[in-house]
């Protein structure tokens, strides 16, 4: 298995990464929003769903 950041061999201590540095690089990418999970953006979700009681958020 190769590190998803730099493709070096994985170190079991930092699995699935090769080092703390690569683990930190990955975390920083998530925190900056560089990675996204596909889905419908929240502003495009139709209103009036099952959770909508018609009173709005307070």
Protein backbone atom coordinates (compact mmCIF):
# COMPACT_ATOMS: atom_id res chain seq x y z
CA UNK A 1 0.00 0.00 0.00
CA UNK A 2 1.26 3.47 -0.85
CA UNK A 3 0.74 6.75 0.97
CA UNK A 4 -2.13 8.65 -0.72
CA UNK A 5 -0.21 11.94 -0.39
CA UNK A 6 3.31 11.12 -1.62
CA UNK A 7 3.11 7.45 -2.77
CA UNK A 8 5.90 6.27 -0.41
CA UNK A 9 5.43 2.98 1.48
CA UNK A 10 3.01 3.21 4.41
CA UNK A 11 4.32 3.31 7.98
CA UNK A 12 2.04 1.27 10.30
CA UNK A 13 2.22 4.04 12.93
CA UNK A 14 0.62 6.55 10.52
CA UNK A 15 -1.48 4.21 8.39
CA UNK A 16 -2.65 4.92 5.70
CA UNK A 17 0.10 7.54 5.47
CA UNK A 18 3.90 7.23 5.48
CA UNK A 19 4.54 9.92 8.10
CA UNK A 20 2.97 12.43 10.45
CA UNK A 21 3.71 15.12 7.87
CA UNK A 22 1.58 13.41 5.21
CA UNK A 23 -1.20 12.81 7.76
CA UNK A 24 -1.11 16.53 8.62
CA UNK A 25 -1.15 17.52 4.93
CA UNK A 26 -4.28 15.40 4.46
CA UNK A 27 -5.96 16.90 7.53
CA UNK A 28 -5.16 20.43 6.33
CA UNK A 29 -6.74 19.67 2.95
CA UNK A 30 -9.95 18.55 4.67
CA UNK A 31 -9.99 21.62 6.93
CA UNK A 32 -9.42 24.03 4.02
CA UNK A 33 -12.21 22.40 2.04
CA UNK A 34 -9.93 21.07 -0.69
CA UNK A 35 -11.72 17.73 -0.44
CA UNK A 36 -15.47 17.59 -0.90
CA UNK A 37 -17.96 14.79 -0.63
CA UNK A 38 -20.30 14.77 -3.65
CA UNK A 39 -23.90 15.65 -2.96
CA UNK A 40 -26.56 18.26 -3.40
CA UNK A 41 -25.47 21.64 -2.02
CA UNK A 42 -27.56 22.69 0.98
CA UNK A 43 -28.90 25.79 -0.77
CA UNK A 44 -30.38 23.56 -3.51
CA UNK A 45 -32.25 21.15 -1.23
CA UNK A 46 -35.99 21.56 -1.84
CA UNK A 47 -37.95 22.95 1.11
CA UNK A 48 -41.07 21.34 2.55
CA UNK A 49 -39.45 18.04 3.50
CA UNK A 50 -40.65 15.74 6.27
CA UNK A 51 -38.67 17.69 8.89
CA UNK A 52 -40.22 21.02 7.90
CA UNK A 53 -42.93 22.00 10.39
CA UNK A 54 -43.59 25.33 8.66
CA UNK A 55 -42.35 27.42 11.58
CA UNK A 56 -38.81 28.04 10.38
CA UNK A 57 -35.65 27.94 12.47
CA UNK A 58 -35.30 29.96 15.63
